[in-house]
Amino acid sequence: MDTAVLTLRVPVEVKQQLDKLADATHRSKSWLAGEAIQRYLELEAWQIGEIQQALQEAEAGDFASDDEIAALKERHAG
């Protein structure tokens, strides 16, 4: 896998936490930071995809009926 250098500034506390985690897991700080960024990007991409799908459904007029909402309320609110 190709890699690239990324330089960033973080609060001192974040750096200290990263140092501790790297020591505890025997992983490099670079690996841990890369893993964290990858997970964040995946989560954000998922959220954006869900929002885009919901917008398409809304634009198509695909809304829950009053009965469907009442059933959900009954199931989750008791």
Protein backbone atom coordinates (compact mmCIF):
# COMPACT_ATOMS: atom_id res chain seq x y z
CA MET A 1 0.00 0.00 0.00
CA ASP A 2 1.31 3.43 -0.89
CA THR A 3 1.57 5.90 1.96
CA ALA A 4 1.98 9.65 2.26
CA VAL A 5 3.19 11.91 5.02
CA LEU A 6 0.57 13.95 6.87
CA THR A 7 1.52 16.55 9.44
CA LEU A 8 -1.08 17.89 11.83
CA ARG A 9 -1.43 19.67 15.13
CA VAL A 10 -3.43 18.21 17.99
CA PRO A 11 -3.97 19.33 21.57
CA VAL A 12 -1.22 18.23 23.97
CA GLU A 13 -3.70 15.98 25.78
CA VAL A 14 -4.52 14.12 22.56
CA LYS A 15 -0.81 13.60 21.87
CA GLN A 16 -0.31 12.27 25.39
CA GLN A 17 -3.22 9.87 25.01
CA LEU A 18 -1.83 8.69 21.68
CA ASP A 19 1.59 8.12 23.28
CA LYS A 20 0.03 6.03 26.07
CA LEU A 21 -2.07 3.99 23.66
CA ALA A 22 0.92 3.35 21.42
CA ASP A 23 2.93 2.10 24.40
CA ALA A 24 0.08 -0.06 25.69
CA THR A 25 -0.71 -1.65 22.32
CA HIS A 26 2.84 -1.86 20.97
CA ARG A 27 1.65 -0.04 17.86
CA SER A 28 3.21 3.03 16.31
CA LYS A 29 1.57 6.39 16.81
CA SER A 30 1.46 6.68 13.04
CA TRP A 31 -0.46 3.39 12.71
CA LEU A 32 -2.93 4.34 15.44
CA ALA A 33 -3.54 7.79 13.97
CA GLY A 34 -4.01 6.35 10.49
CA GLU A 35 -6.46 3.76 11.83
CA ALA A 36 -8.42 6.44 13.69
CA ILE A 37 -8.61 8.65 10.60
CA GLN A 38 -9.72 5.71 8.44
CA ARG A 39 -12.51 4.80 10.89
CA TYR A 40 -13.65 8.42 11.03
CA LEU A 41 -13.75 8.67 7.24
CA GLU A 42 -15.75 5.44 6.97
CA LEU A 43 -18.27 6.68 9.56
CA GLU A 44 -18.65 10.05 7.87
CA ALA A 45 -19.07 8.41 4.45
CA TRP A 46 -21.77 6.13 5.89
CA GLN A 47 -23.61 9.07 7.46
CA ILE A 48 -23.45 11.09 4.26
CA GLY A 49 -24.76 8.10 2.30
CA GLU A 50 -27.67 7.67 4.72
CA ILE A 51 -28.51 11.38 4.53
CA GLN A 52 -28.41 11.34 0.73
CA GLN A 53 -30.68 8.28 0.65
CA ALA A 54 -33.12 9.93 3.05
CA LEU A 55 -33.17 13.09 0.92
CA GLN A 56 -33.93 11.03 -2.19
CA GLU A 57 -36.77 9.29 -0.37
CA ALA A 58 -38.13 12.61 0.84
CA GLU A 59 -37.94 14.11 -2.64
CA ALA A 60 -39.87 11.08 -3.93
CA GLY A 61 -42.53 11.63 -1.26
CA ASP A 62 -41.68 8.36 0.49
CA PHE A 63 -42.78 9.23 4.02
CA ALA A 64 -44.08 7.03 6.82
CA SER A 65 -47.85 7.03 7.22
CA ASP A 66 -49.56 8.15 10.42
CA ASP A 67 -50.29 4.49 11.21
CA GLU A 68 -46.64 3.51 10.76
CA ILE A 69 -45.54 6.33 13.07
CA ALA A 70 -48.12 5.31 15.68
CA ALA A 71 -46.92 1.71 15.52
CA LEU A 72 -43.29 2.79 16.01
CA LYS A 73 -44.28 4.99 18.93
CA GLU A 74 -46.20 2.15 20.53
CA ARG A 75 -43.34 -0.29 20.06
CA HIS A 76 -40.61 1.98 21.42
CA ALA A 77 -42.39 4.27 23.86
CA GLY A 78 -44.51 1.55 25.42
